[in-house]
């Protein structure tokens, strides 16, 4: 048996730190975002724990190859599940995230630095 894990890890530039903190605290609350020392990292990383399971860690690096853009990235897009996707989308937008239009789901947002997240209904689980 093989399954995709409940944890994801992304990289971001230090200049996006405050924006990312504001964005994810709006989604999961300040208790859901922890700061963890990262050996070799330029700053401590964030670990975002989602209330219904799963986590996202964000490691900060100033390497030039770290993806950073004000347009949606064409890399992996991550999915967040919610009992109320529309309400979670409003929270993301109120925190400064940018709405992304794509036909797969009605709710996508771009976090600071270009990472895209879909917000899907918990009820739509396969």
PDB file of N, CA and C in Angstrom:
ATOM      1  N   UNK A   1       0.847  -1.181   0.000  1.00  0.00           N
ATOM      2  CA  UNK A   1       0.000   0.000   0.000  1.00  0.00           C
ATOM      3  C   UNK A   1       0.892   1.243   0.000  1.00  0.00           C
ATOM      4  N   UNK A   2       0.537   2.228  -0.813  1.00  0.00           N
ATOM      5  CA  UNK A   2       1.278   3.477  -0.900  1.00  0.00           C
ATOM      6  C   UNK A   2       0.293   4.632  -0.800  1.00  0.00           C
ATOM      7  N   UNK A   3       0.683   5.684  -0.067  1.00  0.00           N
ATOM      8  CA  UNK A   3      -0.194   6.846   0.082  1.00  0.00           C
ATOM      9  C   UNK A   3       0.644   8.110   0.119  1.00  0.00           C
ATOM     10  N   UNK A   4       0.046   9.204  -0.276  1.00  0.00           N
ATOM     11  CA  UNK A   4       0.684  10.498  -0.159  1.00  0.00           C
ATOM     12  C   UNK A   4       0.582  10.937   1.298  1.00  0.00           C
ATOM     13  N   UNK A   5       1.669  11.423   1.852  1.00  0.00           N
ATOM     14  CA  UNK A   5       1.691  11.824   3.253  1.00  0.00           C
ATOM     15  C   UNK A   5       0.904  13.091   3.530  1.00  0.00           C
ATOM     16  N   UNK A   6       0.723  13.367   4.790  1.00  0.00           N
ATOM     17  CA  UNK A   6      -0.031  14.539   5.228  1.00  0.00           C
ATOM     18  C   UNK A   6       0.854  15.746   5.516  1.00  0.00           C
ATOM     19  N   UNK A   7       2.108  15.684   5.120  1.00  0.00           N
ATOM     20  CA  UNK A   7       3.024  16.774   5.398  1.00  0.00           C
ATOM     21  C   UNK A   7       3.669  17.260   4.109  1.00  0.00           C
ATOM     22  N   UNK A   8       3.861  18.561   4.024  1.00  0.00           N
ATOM     23  CA  UNK A   8       4.521  19.161   2.865  1.00  0.00           C
ATOM     24  C   UNK A   8       5.567  20.141   3.363  1.00  0.00           C
ATOM     25  N   UNK A   9       6.578  20.368   2.540  1.00  0.00           N
ATOM     26  CA  UNK A   9       7.670  21.278   2.892  1.00  0.00           C
ATOM     27  C   UNK A   9       7.955  22.142   1.673  1.00  0.00           C
ATOM     28  N   UNK A  10       8.004  23.462   1.880  1.00  0.00           N
ATOM     29  CA  UNK A  10       8.337  24.372   0.792  1.00  0.00           C
ATOM     30  C   UNK A  10       9.449  25.310   1.246  1.00  0.00           C
ATOM     31  N   UNK A  11      10.049  25.976   0.288  1.00  0.00           N
ATOM     32  CA  UNK A  11      11.107  26.946   0.562  1.00  0.00           C
ATOM     33  C   UNK A  11      10.597  28.335   0.209  1.00  0.00           C
ATOM     34  N   UNK A  12      11.060  29.325   0.954  1.00  0.00           N
ATOM     35  CA  UNK A  12      10.678  30.701   0.680  1.00  0.00           C
ATOM     36  C   UNK A  12      11.853  31.612   1.008  1.00  0.00           C
ATOM     37  N   UNK A  13      11.838  32.777   0.412  1.00  0.00           N
ATOM     38  CA  UNK A  13      12.870  33.774   0.697  1.00  0.00           C
ATOM     39  C   UNK A  13      12.537  34.488   2.001  1.00  0.00           C
ATOM     40  N   UNK A  14      13.562  34.892   2.738  1.00  0.00           N
ATOM     41  CA  UNK A  14      13.340  35.577   4.018  1.00  0.00           C
ATOM     42  C   UNK A  14      12.458  36.820   3.895  1.00  0.00           C
ATOM     43  N   UNK A  15      12.492  37.496   2.769  1.00  0.00           N
ATOM     44  CA  UNK A  15      11.686  38.703   2.601  1.00  0.00           C
ATOM     45  C   UNK A  15      10.187  38.424   2.623  1.00  0.00           C
ATOM     46  N   UNK A  16       9.787  37.169   2.477  1.00  0.00           N
ATOM     47  CA  UNK A  16       8.365  36.785   2.476  1.00  0.00           C
ATOM     48  C   UNK A  16       7.879  36.336   3.857  1.00  0.00           C
ATOM     49  N   UNK A  17       8.759  36.307   4.839  1.00  0.00           N
ATOM     50  CA  UNK A  17       8.455  35.753   6.157  1.00  0.00           C
ATOM     51  C   UNK A  17       7.214  36.374   6.810  1.00  0.00           C
ATOM     52  N   UNK A  18       7.167  37.677   6.935  1.00  0.00           N
ATOM     53  CA  UNK A  18       6.046  38.334   7.616  1.00  0.00           C
ATOM     54  C   UNK A  18       4.741  38.111   6.868  1.00  0.00           C
ATOM     55  N   UNK A  19       4.777  38.180   5.540  1.00  0.00           N
ATOM     56  CA  UNK A  19       3.567  37.957   4.738  1.00  0.00           C
ATOM     57  C   UNK A  19       3.046  36.529   4.899  1.00  0.00           C
ATOM     58  N   UNK A  20       3.969  35.562   4.901  1.00  0.00           N
ATOM     59  CA  UNK A  20       3.565  34.164   5.054  1.00  0.00           C
ATOM     60  C   UNK A  20       2.992  33.910   6.446  1.00  0.00           C
ATOM     61  N   UNK A  21       3.598  34.506   7.453  1.00  0.00           N
ATOM     62  CA  UNK A  21       3.081  34.354   8.810  1.00  0.00           C
ATOM     63  C   UNK A  21       1.664  34.908   8.900  1.00  0.00           C
ATOM     64  N   UNK A  22       1.430  36.100   8.366  1.00  0.00           N
ATOM     65  CA  UNK A  22       0.102  36.709   8.392  1.00  0.00           C
ATOM     66  C   UNK A  22      -0.912  35.818   7.649  1.00  0.00           C
ATOM     67  N   UNK A  23      -0.513  35.313   6.495  1.00  0.00           N
ATOM     68  CA  UNK A  23      -1.402  34.481   5.691  1.00  0.00           C
ATOM     69  C   UNK A  23      -1.817  33.216   6.448  1.00  0.00           C
ATOM     70  N   UNK A  24      -0.852  32.472   6.971  1.00  0.00           N
ATOM     71  CA  UNK A  24      -1.189  31.191   7.594  1.00  0.00           C
ATOM     72  C   UNK A  24      -1.786  31.343   8.982  1.00  0.00           C
ATOM     73  N   UNK A  25      -1.433  32.398   9.715  1.00  0.00           N
ATOM     74  CA  UNK A  25      -2.115  32.640  10.990  1.00  0.00           C
ATOM     75  C   UNK A  25      -3.583  32.955  10.749  1.00  0.00           C
ATOM     76  N   UNK A  26      -3.899  33.627   9.639  1.00  0.00           N
ATOM     77  CA  UNK A  26      -5.300  33.907   9.306  1.00  0.00           C
ATOM     78  C   UNK A  26      -6.057  32.614   9.019  1.00  0.00           C
ATOM     79  N   UNK A  27      -5.380  31.626   8.452  1.00  0.00           N
ATOM     80  CA  UNK A  27      -6.044  30.368   8.089  1.00  0.00           C
ATOM     81  C   UNK A  27      -6.191  29.400   9.251  1.00  0.00           C
ATOM     82  N   UNK A  28      -5.148  29.292  10.098  1.00  0.00           N
ATOM     83  CA  UNK A  28      -5.177  28.275  11.156  1.00  0.00           C
ATOM     84  C   UNK A  28      -5.109  28.856  12.568  1.00  0.00           C
ATOM     85  N   UNK A  29      -5.004  30.162  12.690  1.00  0.00           N
ATOM     86  CA  UNK A  29      -4.860  30.788  14.006  1.00  0.00           C
ATOM     87  C   UNK A  29      -3.404  30.824  14.431  1.00  0.00           C
ATOM     88  N   UNK A  30      -3.088  31.722  15.333  1.00  0.00           N
ATOM     89  CA  UNK A  30      -1.685  31.871  15.739  1.00  0.00           C
ATOM     90  C   UNK A  30      -1.160  30.643  16.475  1.00  0.00           C
ATOM     91  N   UNK A  31      -2.042  29.884  17.141  1.00  0.00           N
ATOM     92  CA  UNK A  31      -1.608  28.662  17.825  1.00  0.00           C
ATOM     93  C   UNK A  31      -1.217  27.558  16.851  1.00  0.00           C
ATOM     94  N   UNK A  32      -1.646  27.673  15.591  1.00  0.00           N
ATOM     95  CA  UNK A  32      -1.348  26.657  14.594  1.00  0.00           C
ATOM     96  C   UNK A  32      -0.030  26.856  13.875  1.00  0.00           C
ATOM     97  N   UNK A  33       0.655  27.966  14.151  1.00  0.00           N
ATOM     98  CA  UNK A  33       1.932  28.251  13.495  1.00  0.00           C
ATOM     99  C   UNK A  33       3.038  28.262  14.551  1.00  0.00           C
ATOM    100  N   UNK A  34       3.983  27.351  14.393  1.00  0.00           N
ATOM    101  CA  UNK A  34       5.118  27.283  15.311  1.00  0.00           C
ATOM    102  C   UNK A  34       6.388  27.718  14.585  1.00  0.00           C
ATOM    103  N   UNK A  35       7.317  28.264  15.341  1.00  0.00           N
ATOM    104  CA  UNK A  35       8.631  28.619  14.814  1.00  0.00           C
ATOM    105  C   UNK A  35       9.618  27.586  15.333  1.00  0.00           C
ATOM    106  N   UNK A  36      10.386  26.992  14.420  1.00  0.00           N
ATOM    107  CA  UNK A  36      11.301  25.904  14.762  1.00  0.00           C
ATOM    108  C   UNK A  36      12.683  26.233  14.220  1.00  0.00           C
ATOM    109  N   UNK A  37      13.701  26.028  15.028  1.00  0.00           N
ATOM    110  CA  UNK A  37      15.066  26.246  14.552  1.00  0.00           C
ATOM    111  C   UNK A  37      15.353  25.302  13.392  1.00  0.00           C
ATOM    112  N   UNK A  38      16.084  25.808  12.428  1.00  0.00           N
ATOM    113  CA  UNK A  38      16.406  25.042  11.231  1.00  0.00           C
ATOM    114  C   UNK A  38      17.925  25.036  11.070  1.00  0.00           C
ATOM    115  N   UNK A  39      18.578  23.929  11.395  1.00  0.00           N
ATOM    116  CA  UNK A  39      20.032  23.888  11.264  1.00  0.00           C
ATOM    117  C   UNK A  39      20.476  24.248   9.843  1.00  0.00           C
ATOM    118  N   UNK A  40      21.324  25.231   9.735  1.00  0.00           N
ATOM    119  CA  UNK A  40      21.818  25.645   8.435  1.00  0.00           C
ATOM    120  C   UNK A  40      20.928  26.650   7.736  1.00  0.00           C
ATOM    121  N   UNK A  41      19.744  26.898   8.263  1.00  0.00           N
ATOM    122  CA  UNK A  41      18.827  27.855   7.654  1.00  0.00           C
ATOM    123  C   UNK A  41      19.197  29.275   8.057  1.00  0.00           C
ATOM    124  N   UNK A  42      18.757  30.235   7.262  1.00  0.00           N
ATOM    125  CA  UNK A  42      19.066  31.631   7.573  1.00  0.00           C
ATOM    126  C   UNK A  42      18.134  32.180   8.653  1.00  0.00           C
ATOM    127  N   UNK A  43      16.976  31.579   8.813  1.00  0.00           N
ATOM    128  CA  UNK A  43      15.997  31.957   9.837  1.00  0.00           C
ATOM    129  C   UNK A  43      15.304  30.695  10.324  1.00  0.00           C
ATOM    130  N   UNK A  44      14.699  30.742  11.509  1.00  0.00           N
ATOM    131  CA  UNK A  44      13.885  29.598  11.930  1.00  0.00           C
ATOM    132  C   UNK A  44      12.748  29.380  10.928  1.00  0.00           C
ATOM    133  N   UNK A  45      12.345  28.124  10.756  1.00  0.00           N
ATOM    134  CA  UNK A  45      11.270  27.835   9.813  1.00  0.00           C
ATOM    135  C   UNK A  45       9.933  27.842  10.530  1.00  0.00           C
ATOM    136  N   UNK A  46       8.879  27.938   9.742  1.00  0.00           N
ATOM    137  CA  UNK A  46       7.526  27.836  10.272  1.00  0.00           C
ATOM    138  C   UNK A  46       7.038  26.413  10.075  1.00  0.00           C
ATOM    139  N   UNK A  47       6.290  25.920  11.041  1.00  0.00           N
ATOM    140  CA  UNK A  47       5.560  24.671  10.899  1.00  0.00           C
ATOM    141  C   UNK A  47       4.095  25.017  11.140  1.00  0.00           C
ATOM    142  N   UNK A  48       3.287  24.824  10.118  1.00  0.00           N
ATOM    143  CA  UNK A  48       1.863  25.127  10.193  1.00  0.00           C
ATOM    144  C   UNK A  48       1.130  23.812  10.380  1.00  0.00           C
ATOM    145  N   UNK A  49       0.419  23.702  11.487  1.00  0.00           N
ATOM    146  CA  UNK A  49      -0.345  22.490  11.778  1.00  0.00           C
ATOM    147  C   UNK A  49      -1.816  22.790  11.538  1.00  0.00           C
ATOM    148  N   UNK A  50      -2.416  22.044  10.631  1.00  0.00           N
ATOM    149  CA  UNK A  50      -3.809  22.258  10.285  1.00  0.00           C
ATOM    150  C   UNK A  50      -4.700  21.530  11.288  1.00  0.00           C
ATOM    151  N   UNK A  51      -5.781  22.173  11.728  1.00  0.00           N
ATOM    152  CA  UNK A  51      -6.612  21.621  12.800  1.00  0.00           C
ATOM    153  C   UNK A  51      -7.129  20.197  12.558  1.00  0.00           C
ATOM    154  N   UNK A  52      -7.423  19.844  11.321  1.00  0.00           N
ATOM    155  CA  UNK A  52      -7.960  18.512  11.044  1.00  0.00           C
ATOM    156  C   UNK A  52      -6.886  17.533  10.565  1.00  0.00           C
ATOM    157  N   UNK A  53      -5.612  17.924  10.686  1.00  0.00           N
ATOM    158  CA  UNK A  53      -4.521  17.027  10.326  1.00  0.00           C
ATOM    159  C   UNK A  53      -3.639  17.580   9.228  1.00  0.00           C
ATOM    160  N   UNK A  54      -2.427  17.096   9.191  1.00  0.00           N
ATOM    161  CA  UNK A  54      -1.453  17.514   8.199  1.00  0.00           C
ATOM    162  C   UNK A  54      -0.684  18.751   8.637  1.00  0.00           C
ATOM    163  N   UNK A  55       0.475  18.921   8.042  1.00  0.00           N
ATOM    164  CA  UNK A  55       1.281  20.090   8.361  1.00  0.00           C
ATOM    165  C   UNK A  55       2.057  20.543   7.135  1.00  0.00           C
ATOM    166  N   UNK A  56       2.448  21.801   7.186  1.00  0.00           N
ATOM    167  CA  UNK A  56       3.260  22.419   6.146  1.00  0.00           C
ATOM    168  C   UNK A  56       4.429  23.087   6.837  1.00  0.00           C
ATOM    169  N   UNK A  57       5.640  22.791   6.402  1.00  0.00           N
ATOM    170  CA  UNK A  57       6.800  23.503   6.931  1.00  0.00           C
ATOM    171  C   UNK A  57       7.345  24.415   5.839  1.00  0.00           C
ATOM    172  N   UNK A  58       7.780  25.595   6.259  1.00  0.00           N
ATOM    173  CA  UNK A  58       8.326  26.578   5.338  1.00  0.00           C
ATOM    174  C   UNK A  58       9.732  26.916   5.807  1.00  0.00           C
ATOM    175  N   UNK A  59      10.695  26.559   4.982  1.00  0.00           N
ATOM    176  CA  UNK A  59      12.108  26.812   5.277  1.00  0.00           C
ATOM    177  C   UNK A  59      12.555  28.053   4.510  1.00  0.00           C
ATOM    178  N   UNK A  60      13.232  28.949   5.202  1.00  0.00           N
ATOM    179  CA  UNK A  60      13.658  30.208   4.595  1.00  0.00           C
ATOM    180  C   UNK A  60      15.117  30.118   4.173  1.00  0.00           C
ATOM    181  N   UNK A  61      15.352  30.483   2.921  1.00  0.00           N
ATOM    182  CA  UNK A  61      16.703  30.461   2.385  1.00  0.00           C
ATOM    183  C   UNK A  61      16.869  31.633   1.433  1.00  0.00           C
ATOM    184  N   UNK A  62      18.052  32.181   1.403  1.00  0.00           N
ATOM    185  CA  UNK A  62      18.300  33.313   0.514  1.00  0.00           C
ATOM    186  C   UNK A  62      19.020  32.899  -0.763  1.00  0.00           C
ATOM    187  N   UNK A  63      19.004  31.619  -1.072  1.00  0.00           N
ATOM    188  CA  UNK A  63      19.621  31.158  -2.307  1.00  0.00           C
ATOM    189  C   UNK A  63      18.854  31.702  -3.507  1.00  0.00           C
ATOM    190  N   UNK A  64      19.556  32.089  -4.543  1.00  0.00           N
ATOM    191  CA  UNK A  64      18.926  32.646  -5.739  1.00  0.00           C
ATOM    192  C   UNK A  64      17.964  31.675  -6.414  1.00  0.00           C
ATOM    193  N   UNK A  65      18.162  30.392  -6.225  1.00  0.00           N
ATOM    194  CA  UNK A  65      17.294  29.426  -6.899  1.00  0.00           C
ATOM    195  C   UNK A  65      15.985  29.168  -6.136  1.00  0.00           C
ATOM    196  N   UNK A  66      15.809  29.803  -4.986  1.00  0.00           N
ATOM    197  CA  UNK A  66      14.556  29.660  -4.254  1.00  0.00           C
ATOM    198  C   UNK A  66      13.438  30.295  -5.071  1.00  0.00           C
ATOM    199  N   UNK A  67      12.395  29.545  -5.403  1.00  0.00           N
ATOM    200  CA  UNK A  67      11.311  30.130  -6.195  1.00  0.00           C
ATOM    201  C   UNK A  67      10.683  31.310  -5.462  1.00  0.00           C
ATOM    202  N   UNK A  68      10.496  32.392  -6.176  1.00  0.00           N
ATOM    203  CA  UNK A  68       9.862  33.571  -5.593  1.00  0.00           C
ATOM    204  C   UNK A  68       9.292  34.392  -6.729  1.00  0.00           C
ATOM    205  N   UNK A  69       7.999  34.644  -6.654  1.00  0.00           N
ATOM    206  CA  UNK A  69       7.373  35.378  -7.735  1.00  0.00           C
ATOM    207  C   UNK A  69       6.094  36.003  -7.214  1.00  0.00           C
ATOM    208  N   UNK A  70       5.628  37.005  -7.915  1.00  0.00           N
ATOM    209  CA  UNK A  70       4.341  37.611  -7.616  1.00  0.00           C
ATOM    210  C   UNK A  70       3.266  37.093  -8.559  1.00  0.00           C
ATOM    211  N   UNK A  71       3.592  36.074  -9.324  1.00  0.00           N
ATOM    212  CA  UNK A  71       2.664  35.362 -10.193  1.00  0.00           C
ATOM    213  C   UNK A  71       2.610  33.912  -9.698  1.00  0.00           C
ATOM    214  N   UNK A  72       1.508  33.206  -9.949  1.00  0.00           N
ATOM    215  CA  UNK A  72       1.427  31.810  -9.500  1.00  0.00           C
ATOM    216  C   UNK A  72       2.553  30.950 -10.085  1.00  0.00           C
ATOM    217  N   UNK A  73       3.137  30.120  -9.245  1.00  0.00           N
ATOM    218  CA  UNK A  73       4.178  29.196  -9.705  1.00  0.00           C
ATOM    219  C   UNK A  73       3.565  28.055 -10.486  1.00  0.00           C
ATOM    220  N   UNK A  74       4.329  27.558 -11.421  1.00  0.00           N
ATOM    221  CA  UNK A  74       3.903  26.379 -12.165  1.00  0.00           C
ATOM    222  C   UNK A  74       4.644  25.149 -11.663  1.00  0.00           C
ATOM    223  N   UNK A  75       4.760  25.033 -10.364  1.00  0.00           N
ATOM    224  CA  UNK A  75       5.309  23.848  -9.724  1.00  0.00           C
ATOM    225  C   UNK A  75       4.156  23.080  -9.096  1.00  0.00           C
ATOM    226  N   UNK A  76       4.425  22.391  -8.018  1.00  0.00           N
ATOM    227  CA  UNK A  76       3.375  21.656  -7.314  1.00  0.00           C
ATOM    228  C   UNK A  76       2.402  22.630  -6.662  1.00  0.00           C
ATOM    229  N   UNK A  77       1.119  22.367  -6.798  1.00  0.00           N
ATOM    230  CA  UNK A  77       0.090  23.124  -6.100  1.00  0.00           C
ATOM    231  C   UNK A  77      -0.425  22.227  -4.976  1.00  0.00           C
ATOM    232  N   UNK A  78      -0.617  22.791  -3.811  1.00  0.00           N
ATOM    233  CA  UNK A  78      -1.035  22.026  -2.645  1.00  0.00           C
ATOM    234  C   UNK A  78      -2.519  22.246  -2.376  1.00  0.00           C
ATOM    235  N   UNK A  79      -3.129  21.282  -1.686  1.00  0.00           N
ATOM    236  CA  UNK A  79      -4.561  21.356  -1.407  1.00  0.00           C
ATOM    237  C   UNK A  79      -4.800  21.410   0.088  1.00  0.00           C
ATOM    238  N   UNK A  80      -5.658  22.329   0.494  1.00  0.00           N
ATOM    239  CA  UNK A  80      -6.134  22.435   1.869  1.00  0.00           C
ATOM    240  C   UNK A  80      -7.607  22.049   1.833  1.00  0.00           C
ATOM    241  N   UNK A  81      -8.064  21.253   2.795  1.00  0.00           N
ATOM    242  CA  UNK A  81      -9.477  20.856   2.854  1.00  0.00           C
ATOM    243  C   UNK A  81     -10.151  21.574   4.020  1.00  0.00           C
ATOM    244  N   UNK A  82     -11.392  21.958   3.793  1.00  0.00           N
ATOM    245  CA  UNK A  82     -12.140  22.708   4.800  1.00  0.00           C
ATOM    246  C   UNK A  82     -13.612  22.328   4.743  1.00  0.00           C
ATOM    247  N   UNK A  83     -14.300  22.412   5.868  1.00  0.00           N
ATOM    248  CA  UNK A  83     -15.747  22.202   5.876  1.00  0.00           C
ATOM    249  C   UNK A  83     -16.452  23.392   5.247  1.00  0.00           C
ATOM    250  N   UNK A  84     -15.772  24.542   5.182  1.00  0.00           N
ATOM    251  CA  UNK A  84     -16.349  25.745   4.571  1.00  0.00           C
ATOM    252  C   UNK A  84     -15.281  26.422   3.703  1.00  0.00           C
ATOM    253  N   UNK A  85     -15.066  25.902   2.493  1.00  0.00           N
ATOM    254  CA  UNK A  85     -14.025  26.461   1.635  1.00  0.00           C
ATOM    255  C   UNK A  85     -14.190  27.955   1.350  1.00  0.00           C
ATOM    256  N   UNK A  86     -15.408  28.413   1.177  1.00  0.00           N
ATOM    257  CA  UNK A  86     -15.625  29.832   0.879  1.00  0.00           C
ATOM    258  C   UNK A  86     -15.164  30.716   2.032  1.00  0.00           C
ATOM    259  N   UNK A  87     -15.460  30.315   3.268  1.00  0.00           N
ATOM    260  CA  UNK A  87     -15.038  31.097   4.438  1.00  0.00           C
ATOM    261  C   UNK A  87     -13.518  31.100   4.568  1.00  0.00           C
ATOM    262  N   UNK A  88     -12.886  29.953   4.328  1.00  0.00           N
ATOM    263  CA  UNK A  88     -11.427  29.889   4.415  1.00  0.00           C
ATOM    264  C   UNK A  88     -10.791  30.741   3.322  1.00  0.00           C
ATOM    265  N   UNK A  89     -11.384  30.745   2.147  1.00  0.00           N
ATOM    266  CA  UNK A  89     -10.886  31.583   1.055  1.00  0.00           C
ATOM    267  C   UNK A  89     -10.972  33.060   1.439  1.00  0.00           C
ATOM    268  N   UNK A  90     -12.083  33.461   2.044  1.00  0.00           N
ATOM    269  CA  UNK A  90     -12.215  34.854   2.488  1.00  0.00           C
ATOM    270  C   UNK A  90     -11.116  35.214   3.471  1.00  0.00           C
ATOM    271  N   UNK A  91     -10.793  34.312   4.406  1.00  0.00           N
ATOM    272  CA  UNK A  91      -9.729  34.563   5.373  1.00  0.00           C
ATOM    273  C   UNK A  91      -8.389  34.738   4.666  1.00  0.00           C
ATOM    274  N   UNK A  92      -8.122  33.885   3.685  1.00  0.00           N
ATOM    275  CA  UNK A  92      -6.861  33.983   2.936  1.00  0.00           C
ATOM    276  C   UNK A  92      -6.762  35.326   2.223  1.00  0.00           C
ATOM    277  N   UNK A  93      -7.833  35.726   1.574  1.00  0.00           N
ATOM    278  CA  UNK A  93      -7.829  36.993   0.834  1.00  0.00           C
ATOM    279  C   UNK A  93      -7.724  38.190   1.777  1.00  0.00           C
ATOM    280  N   UNK A  94      -8.404  38.128   2.911  1.00  0.00           N
ATOM    281  CA  UNK A  94      -8.313  39.203   3.903  1.00  0.00           C
ATOM    282  C   UNK A  94      -6.903  39.333   4.464  1.00  0.00           C
ATOM    283  N   UNK A  95      -6.156  38.225   4.482  1.00  0.00           N
ATOM    284  CA  UNK A  95      -4.773  38.243   4.976  1.00  0.00           C
ATOM    285  C   UNK A  95      -3.784  38.682   3.900  1.00  0.00           C
ATOM    286  N   UNK A  96      -4.276  38.984   2.706  1.00  0.00           N
ATOM    287  CA  UNK A  96      -3.396  39.478   1.655  1.00  0.00           C
ATOM    288  C   UNK A  96      -3.034  38.484   0.577  1.00  0.00           C
ATOM    289  N   UNK A  97      -3.559  37.258   0.650  1.00  0.00           N
ATOM    290  CA  UNK A  97      -3.293  36.285  -0.408  1.00  0.00           C
ATOM    291  C   UNK A  97      -4.002  36.749  -1.687  1.00  0.00           C
ATOM    292  N   UNK A  98      -3.530  36.261  -2.820  1.00  0.00           N
ATOM    293  CA  UNK A  98      -4.070  36.635  -4.123  1.00  0.00           C
ATOM    294  C   UNK A  98      -4.924  35.480  -4.661  1.00  0.00           C
ATOM    295  N   UNK A  99      -6.118  35.794  -5.149  1.00  0.00           N
ATOM    296  CA  UNK A  99      -6.969  34.760  -5.735  1.00  0.00           C
ATOM    297  C   UNK A  99      -6.399  34.307  -7.075  1.00  0.00           C
ATOM    298  N   UNK A 100      -6.452  33.011  -7.324  1.00  0.00           N
ATOM    299  CA  UNK A 100      -6.009  32.419  -8.589  1.00  0.00           C
ATOM    300  C   UNK A 100      -7.230  31.734  -9.208  1.00  0.00           C
ATOM    301  N   UNK A 101      -7.463  31.983 -10.466  1.00  0.00           N
ATOM    302  CA  UNK A 101      -8.569  31.338 -11.173  1.00  0.00           C
ATOM    303  C   UNK A 101      -8.030  30.139 -11.953  1.00  0.00           C
ATOM    304  N   UNK A 102      -8.647  28.988 -11.746  1.00  0.00           N
ATOM    305  CA  UNK A 102      -8.261  27.753 -12.428  1.00  0.00           C
ATOM    306  C   UNK A 102      -9.488  26.849 -12.410  1.00  0.00           C
ATOM    307  N   UNK A 103      -9.732  26.077 -13.462  1.00  0.00           N
ATOM    308  CA  UNK A 103     -10.973  25.304 -13.542  1.00  0.00           C
ATOM    309  C   UNK A 103     -11.074  24.100 -12.601  1.00  0.00           C
ATOM    310  N   UNK A 104     -10.015  23.708 -11.922  1.00  0.00           N
ATOM    311  CA  UNK A 104     -10.065  22.498 -11.093  1.00  0.00           C
ATOM    312  C   UNK A 104     -10.956  22.605  -9.869  1.00  0.00           C
ATOM    313  N   UNK A 105     -10.898  23.709  -9.160  1.00  0.00           N
ATOM    314  CA  UNK A 105     -11.691  23.972  -7.952  1.00  0.00           C
ATOM    315  C   UNK A 105     -12.156  25.421  -8.025  1.00  0.00           C
ATOM    316  N   UNK A 106     -13.183  25.774  -7.272  1.00  0.00           N
ATOM    317  CA  UNK A 106     -13.591  27.181  -7.277  1.00  0.00           C
ATOM    318  C   UNK A 106     -12.684  28.081  -6.435  1.00  0.00           C
ATOM    319  N   UNK A 107     -11.879  27.511  -5.537  1.00  0.00           N
ATOM    320  CA  UNK A 107     -11.092  28.326  -4.621  1.00  0.00           C
ATOM    321  C   UNK A 107      -9.597  27.989  -4.687  1.00  0.00           C
ATOM    322  N   UNK A 108      -8.819  28.931  -5.178  1.00  0.00           N
ATOM    323  CA  UNK A 108      -7.364  28.837  -5.181  1.00  0.00           C
ATOM    324  C   UNK A 108      -6.816  30.168  -4.693  1.00  0.00           C
ATOM    325  N   UNK A 109      -5.746  30.125  -3.928  1.00  0.00           N
ATOM    326  CA  UNK A 109      -5.060  31.360  -3.591  1.00  0.00           C
ATOM    327  C   UNK A 109      -3.564  31.177  -3.732  1.00  0.00           C
ATOM    328  N   UNK A 110      -2.889  32.298  -3.969  1.00  0.00           N
ATOM    329  CA  UNK A 110      -1.438  32.301  -4.069  1.00  0.00           C
ATOM    330  C   UNK A 110      -0.889  32.933  -2.793  1.00  0.00           C
ATOM    331  N   UNK A 111      -0.049  32.203  -2.108  1.00  0.00           N
ATOM    332  CA  UNK A 111       0.622  32.723  -0.921  1.00  0.00           C
ATOM    333  C   UNK A 111       1.774  33.630  -1.363  1.00  0.00           C
ATOM    334  N   UNK A 112       2.266  34.478  -0.474  1.00  0.00           N
ATOM    335  CA  UNK A 112       3.409  35.317  -0.824  1.00  0.00           C
ATOM    336  C   UNK A 112       4.579  34.468  -1.333  1.00  0.00           C
ATOM    337  N   UNK A 113       5.102  34.816  -2.482  1.00  0.00           N
ATOM    338  CA  UNK A 113       6.190  34.069  -3.087  1.00  0.00           C
ATOM    339  C   UNK A 113       5.761  33.183  -4.242  1.00  0.00           C
ATOM    340  N   UNK A 114       4.447  33.030  -4.451  1.00  0.00           N
ATOM    341  CA  UNK A 114       3.968  32.321  -5.624  1.00  0.00           C
ATOM    342  C   UNK A 114       3.406  30.931  -5.426  1.00  0.00           C
ATOM    343  N   UNK A 115       3.512  30.335  -4.230  1.00  0.00           N
ATOM    344  CA  UNK A 115       2.981  28.989  -4.010  1.00  0.00           C
ATOM    345  C   UNK A 115       1.460  29.031  -4.054  1.00  0.00           C
ATOM    346  N   UNK A 116       0.843  28.118  -4.793  1.00  0.00           N
ATOM    347  CA  UNK A 116      -0.604  28.101  -4.953  1.00  0.00           C
ATOM    348  C   UNK A 116      -1.214  26.980  -4.112  1.00  0.00           C
ATOM    349  N   UNK A 117      -2.344  27.301  -3.479  1.00  0.00           N
ATOM    350  CA  UNK A 117      -3.088  26.355  -2.658  1.00  0.00           C
ATOM    351  C   UNK A 117      -4.532  26.312  -3.157  1.00  0.00           C
ATOM    352  N   UNK A 118      -5.059  25.106  -3.357  1.00  0.00           N
ATOM    353  CA  UNK A 118      -6.483  24.922  -3.628  1.00  0.00           C
ATOM    354  C   UNK A 118      -7.168  24.728  -2.285  1.00  0.00           C
ATOM    355  N   UNK A 119      -8.386  25.215  -2.162  1.00  0.00           N
ATOM    356  CA  UNK A 119      -9.190  24.942  -0.979  1.00  0.00           C
ATOM    357  C   UNK A 119     -10.362  24.096  -1.437  1.00  0.00           C
ATOM    358  N   UNK A 120     -10.385  22.860  -1.003  1.00  0.00           N
ATOM    359  CA  UNK A 120     -11.422  21.918  -1.394  1.00  0.00           C
ATOM    360  C   UNK A 120     -12.296  21.584  -0.198  1.00  0.00           C
ATOM    361  N   UNK A 121     -13.480  21.142  -0.457  1.00  0.00           N
ATOM    362  CA  UNK A 121     -14.396  20.748   0.599  1.00  0.00           C
ATOM    363  C   UNK A 121     -13.981  19.402   1.187  1.00  0.00           C
ATOM    364  N   UNK A 122     -14.096  19.293   2.492  1.00  0.00           N
ATOM    365  CA  UNK A 122     -13.837  18.007   3.155  1.00  0.00           C
ATOM    366  C   UNK A 122     -14.787  16.966   2.589  1.00  0.00           C
ATOM    367  N   UNK A 123     -15.992  17.378   2.248  1.00  0.00           N
ATOM    368  CA  UNK A 123     -17.006  16.466   1.709  1.00  0.00           C
ATOM    369  C   UNK A 123     -16.639  15.910   0.352  1.00  0.00           C
ATOM    370  N   UNK A 124     -15.706  16.558  -0.359  1.00  0.00           N
ATOM    371  CA  UNK A 124     -15.350  16.108  -1.717  1.00  0.00           C
ATOM    372  C   UNK A 124     -14.229  15.090  -1.718  1.00  0.00           C
ATOM    373  N   UNK A 125     -13.882  14.547  -0.561  1.00  0.00           N
ATOM    374  CA  UNK A 125     -12.807  13.549  -0.494  1.00  0.00           C
ATOM    375  C   UNK A 125     -13.146  12.344  -1.335  1.00  0.00           C
ATOM    376  N   UNK A 126     -12.159  11.844  -2.063  1.00  0.00           N
ATOM    377  CA  UNK A 126     -12.419  10.647  -2.885  1.00  0.00           C
ATOM    378  C   UNK A 126     -12.609   9.408  -2.035  1.00  0.00           C
TER     379      UNK A 126
END
